[in-house]
Each structure stands twice: as structure tokens, then as C-alpha cells.
Amino acid sequence: LGIFGETDGDEFVEAVDRVLEAGHAVDKPVATLAFEEDEIERWVDRGFDFVLAGVDIDYVKAGGLRAKAMFEDAMEKRDG
């Protein structure tokens, strides 16, 4: 389409609808990727059967931050 990143544009949305219609016409589930949480509902409402949500690095970062907080809590309990 030549419109990378322009997911709100009419041309992109029309292409998405064509893909959804084609998949559903042959009784196949259609999936997409949501980079941000607010996109999940948008794509489900549009008709996607499932949505892969998030970006791997976000999950890695969140896990690292949780582990860091747990370590800091443990050190605080130990050292007072």
C-alpha cells in the first residue's frame, strides 16, 4: 500500500476490511497484531478473531522491573 504506519487512513482500513471479508468468507480465523493496548479493542471490534497483543521487549522490561522491585523489597526487609 505504501502507507507504512498509517493504520487510521481510509486506504489501510479498507484493505483490512477486505482481508477480514476474505478470511471469513472461507471460514478461516483472521488475526492481527496490536502494538498498544488501546488497539486490542479496536481490532476486535473491527472483526478480527484474535489479536496478538504487545511487543516482546515490553514483556521483558516489565518482568525485569518486577524482579528488581522484588529484590529491593527483599534487601529492605533484610537490612531494615
N, C-alpha and C. Protein backbone atom coordinates (compact mmCIF):
# COMPACT_ATOMS: atom_id res chain seq x y z
N LEU A 1 0.81 -1.20 0.00
CA LEU A 1 0.00 0.00 0.00
C LEU A 1 0.85 1.26 0.00
N GLY A 2 2.07 1.15 0.50
CA GLY A 2 2.94 2.32 0.55
C GLY A 2 2.55 3.33 1.61
N ILE A 3 1.90 2.88 2.66
CA ILE A 3 1.44 3.80 3.71
C ILE A 3 1.84 3.27 5.09
N PHE A 4 3.05 2.82 5.21
CA PHE A 4 3.54 2.22 6.45
C PHE A 4 3.21 3.08 7.67
N GLY A 5 2.60 2.46 8.67
CA GLY A 5 2.30 3.14 9.92
C GLY A 5 1.03 3.97 9.91
N GLU A 6 0.39 4.09 8.79
CA GLU A 6 -0.83 4.91 8.69
C GLU A 6 -2.06 4.02 8.85
N THR A 7 -2.23 3.47 10.05
CA THR A 7 -3.29 2.50 10.27
C THR A 7 -4.67 3.11 10.44
N ASP A 8 -4.76 4.41 10.47
CA ASP A 8 -6.07 5.07 10.57
C ASP A 8 -6.59 5.56 9.23
N GLY A 9 -5.76 5.50 8.22
CA GLY A 9 -6.16 6.01 6.91
C GLY A 9 -7.21 5.13 6.24
N ASP A 10 -8.02 5.75 5.42
CA ASP A 10 -9.10 5.03 4.73
C ASP A 10 -8.58 3.87 3.89
N GLU A 11 -7.48 4.09 3.18
CA GLU A 11 -6.94 3.05 2.31
C GLU A 11 -6.54 1.81 3.12
N PHE A 12 -5.91 2.03 4.26
CA PHE A 12 -5.50 0.92 5.11
C PHE A 12 -6.71 0.19 5.68
N VAL A 13 -7.65 0.95 6.22
CA VAL A 13 -8.84 0.35 6.83
C VAL A 13 -9.64 -0.44 5.80
N GLU A 14 -9.74 0.07 4.59
CA GLU A 14 -10.44 -0.66 3.52
C GLU A 14 -9.72 -1.96 3.19
N ALA A 15 -8.39 -1.93 3.18
CA ALA A 15 -7.61 -3.14 2.92
C ALA A 15 -7.82 -4.16 4.05
N VAL A 16 -7.84 -3.68 5.28
CA VAL A 16 -8.09 -4.55 6.42
C VAL A 16 -9.46 -5.21 6.27
N ASP A 17 -10.45 -4.44 5.93
CA ASP A 17 -11.79 -4.98 5.77
C ASP A 17 -11.84 -6.04 4.67
N ARG A 18 -11.10 -5.84 3.59
CA ARG A 18 -11.06 -6.83 2.51
C ARG A 18 -10.43 -8.14 3.01
N VAL A 19 -9.38 -8.02 3.79
CA VAL A 19 -8.73 -9.22 4.34
C VAL A 19 -9.68 -9.95 5.28
N LEU A 20 -10.35 -9.21 6.14
CA LEU A 20 -11.32 -9.83 7.05
C LEU A 20 -12.43 -10.53 6.28
N GLU A 21 -12.97 -9.86 5.29
CA GLU A 21 -14.05 -10.46 4.49
C GLU A 21 -13.58 -11.72 3.78
N ALA A 22 -12.38 -11.69 3.22
CA ALA A 22 -11.85 -12.85 2.50
C ALA A 22 -11.64 -14.03 3.44
N GLY A 23 -11.07 -13.77 4.59
CA GLY A 23 -10.85 -14.85 5.55
C GLY A 23 -12.14 -15.44 6.07
N HIS A 24 -13.05 -14.59 6.43
CA HIS A 24 -14.32 -15.07 6.97
C HIS A 24 -15.18 -15.75 5.90
N ALA A 25 -15.01 -15.34 4.65
CA ALA A 25 -15.78 -15.96 3.56
C ALA A 25 -15.43 -17.43 3.39
N VAL A 26 -14.21 -17.80 3.76
CA VAL A 26 -13.80 -19.21 3.67
C VAL A 26 -13.69 -19.84 5.05
N ASP A 27 -14.36 -19.22 6.02
CA ASP A 27 -14.46 -19.74 7.38
C ASP A 27 -13.10 -19.95 8.04
N LYS A 28 -12.21 -18.98 7.84
CA LYS A 28 -10.89 -19.01 8.46
C LYS A 28 -10.78 -17.89 9.48
N PRO A 29 -10.18 -18.18 10.62
CA PRO A 29 -9.97 -17.11 11.60
C PRO A 29 -8.94 -16.12 11.07
N VAL A 30 -9.13 -14.88 11.40
CA VAL A 30 -8.24 -13.82 10.94
C VAL A 30 -7.64 -13.13 12.17
N ALA A 31 -6.32 -12.97 12.17
CA ALA A 31 -5.63 -12.40 13.32
C ALA A 31 -4.84 -11.16 12.91
N THR A 32 -4.48 -10.38 13.91
CA THR A 32 -3.63 -9.22 13.69
C THR A 32 -2.78 -8.99 14.92
N LEU A 33 -1.96 -7.99 14.86
CA LEU A 33 -1.07 -7.62 15.95
C LEU A 33 -1.43 -6.24 16.46
N ALA A 34 -1.53 -6.10 17.76
CA ALA A 34 -1.76 -4.80 18.39
C ALA A 34 -0.50 -4.42 19.15
N PHE A 35 0.09 -3.31 18.78
CA PHE A 35 1.31 -2.86 19.45
C PHE A 35 1.01 -2.16 20.76
N GLU A 36 -0.14 -1.53 20.85
CA GLU A 36 -0.55 -0.80 22.05
C GLU A 36 -1.84 -1.40 22.58
N GLU A 37 -2.05 -1.29 23.88
CA GLU A 37 -3.25 -1.88 24.50
C GLU A 37 -4.54 -1.33 23.92
N ASP A 38 -4.57 -0.04 23.59
CA ASP A 38 -5.81 0.54 23.09
C ASP A 38 -6.18 0.02 21.70
N GLU A 39 -5.24 -0.62 21.02
CA GLU A 39 -5.54 -1.18 19.71
C GLU A 39 -6.28 -2.52 19.79
N ILE A 40 -6.19 -3.19 20.93
CA ILE A 40 -6.82 -4.51 21.06
C ILE A 40 -8.31 -4.43 20.79
N GLU A 41 -8.99 -3.55 21.50
CA GLU A 41 -10.44 -3.42 21.32
C GLU A 41 -10.78 -2.95 19.91
N ARG A 42 -9.97 -2.06 19.37
CA ARG A 42 -10.21 -1.57 18.01
C ARG A 42 -10.26 -2.72 17.01
N TRP A 43 -9.28 -3.62 17.10
CA TRP A 43 -9.22 -4.72 16.12
C TRP A 43 -10.27 -5.79 16.39
N VAL A 44 -10.57 -6.04 17.65
CA VAL A 44 -11.65 -6.99 17.96
C VAL A 44 -12.98 -6.44 17.43
N ASP A 45 -13.23 -5.17 17.69
CA ASP A 45 -14.47 -4.54 17.20
C ASP A 45 -14.54 -4.54 15.68
N ARG A 46 -13.40 -4.48 15.03
CA ARG A 46 -13.36 -4.45 13.56
C ARG A 46 -13.72 -5.83 13.00
N GLY A 47 -13.52 -6.89 13.81
CA GLY A 47 -13.91 -8.22 13.34
C GLY A 47 -12.83 -9.28 13.39
N PHE A 48 -11.65 -8.95 13.90
CA PHE A 48 -10.60 -9.95 13.99
C PHE A 48 -10.99 -11.02 15.02
N ASP A 49 -10.58 -12.24 14.74
CA ASP A 49 -10.92 -13.36 15.61
C ASP A 49 -9.98 -13.49 16.79
N PHE A 50 -8.76 -13.06 16.63
CA PHE A 50 -7.85 -12.95 17.76
C PHE A 50 -6.79 -11.91 17.45
N VAL A 51 -6.21 -11.38 18.52
CA VAL A 51 -5.24 -10.30 18.40
C VAL A 51 -4.02 -10.66 19.25
N LEU A 52 -2.87 -10.67 18.61
CA LEU A 52 -1.61 -10.83 19.34
C LEU A 52 -1.28 -9.46 19.91
N ALA A 53 -1.18 -9.38 21.21
CA ALA A 53 -1.06 -8.08 21.85
C ALA A 53 0.30 -7.87 22.48
N GLY A 54 0.87 -6.72 22.21
CA GLY A 54 2.11 -6.33 22.86
C GLY A 54 3.34 -6.59 22.01
N VAL A 55 4.44 -6.17 22.55
CA VAL A 55 5.73 -6.32 21.90
C VAL A 55 6.64 -7.03 22.89
N ASP A 56 7.39 -8.00 22.42
CA ASP A 56 8.22 -8.82 23.31
C ASP A 56 9.06 -8.00 24.28
N ILE A 57 9.68 -6.95 23.80
CA ILE A 57 10.57 -6.17 24.66
C ILE A 57 9.81 -5.55 25.83
N ASP A 58 8.54 -5.22 25.62
CA ASP A 58 7.73 -4.67 26.72
C ASP A 58 7.55 -5.71 27.83
N TYR A 59 7.34 -6.97 27.43
CA TYR A 59 7.18 -8.03 28.42
C TYR A 59 8.49 -8.28 29.16
N VAL A 60 9.59 -8.25 28.44
CA VAL A 60 10.90 -8.45 29.07
C VAL A 60 11.17 -7.32 30.06
N LYS A 61 10.91 -6.10 29.65
CA LYS A 61 11.14 -4.94 30.52
C LYS A 61 10.27 -5.03 31.77
N ALA A 62 8.99 -5.35 31.60
CA ALA A 62 8.08 -5.44 32.75
C ALA A 62 8.55 -6.51 33.73
N GLY A 63 9.00 -7.65 33.20
CA GLY A 63 9.50 -8.71 34.07
C GLY A 63 10.75 -8.29 34.81
N GLY A 64 11.63 -7.59 34.14
CA GLY A 64 12.84 -7.09 34.78
C GLY A 64 12.53 -6.09 35.88
N LEU A 65 11.59 -5.22 35.63
CA LEU A 65 11.21 -4.23 36.65
C LEU A 65 10.57 -4.90 37.87
N ARG A 66 9.75 -5.94 37.62
CA ARG A 66 9.16 -6.68 38.75
C ARG A 66 10.25 -7.37 39.57
N ALA A 67 11.19 -8.00 38.89
CA ALA A 67 12.28 -8.69 39.59
C ALA A 67 13.12 -7.71 40.39
N LYS A 68 13.39 -6.56 39.83
CA LYS A 68 14.17 -5.53 40.52
C LYS A 68 13.44 -5.08 41.79
N ALA A 69 12.14 -4.84 41.66
CA ALA A 69 11.35 -4.41 42.82
C ALA A 69 11.33 -5.49 43.90
N MET A 70 11.21 -6.75 43.50
CA MET A 70 11.23 -7.84 44.47
C MET A 70 12.57 -7.91 45.19
N PHE A 71 13.65 -7.73 44.44
CA PHE A 71 14.98 -7.74 45.03
C PHE A 71 15.13 -6.59 46.02
N GLU A 72 14.71 -5.41 45.61
CA GLU A 72 14.82 -4.26 46.50
C GLU A 72 13.99 -4.45 47.77
N ASP A 73 12.80 -5.03 47.64
CA ASP A 73 11.97 -5.32 48.81
C ASP A 73 12.66 -6.31 49.74
N ALA A 74 13.25 -7.35 49.16
CA ALA A 74 13.94 -8.36 49.96
C ALA A 74 15.13 -7.74 50.69
N MET A 75 15.86 -6.88 50.02
CA MET A 75 17.01 -6.22 50.66
C MET A 75 16.55 -5.30 51.78
N GLU A 76 15.46 -4.60 51.55
CA GLU A 76 14.92 -3.70 52.58
C GLU A 76 14.48 -4.49 53.81
N LYS A 77 13.83 -5.64 53.59
CA LYS A 77 13.41 -6.48 54.71
C LYS A 77 14.62 -7.00 55.49
N ARG A 78 15.64 -7.39 54.74
CA ARG A 78 16.83 -7.94 55.39
C ARG A 78 17.60 -6.88 56.16
N ASP A 79 17.79 -5.72 55.52
CA ASP A 79 18.65 -4.69 56.10
C ASP A 79 17.90 -3.67 56.94
N GLY A 80 16.59 -3.70 56.82
CA GLY A 80 15.78 -2.78 57.62
C GLY A 80 15.78 -1.44 57.08
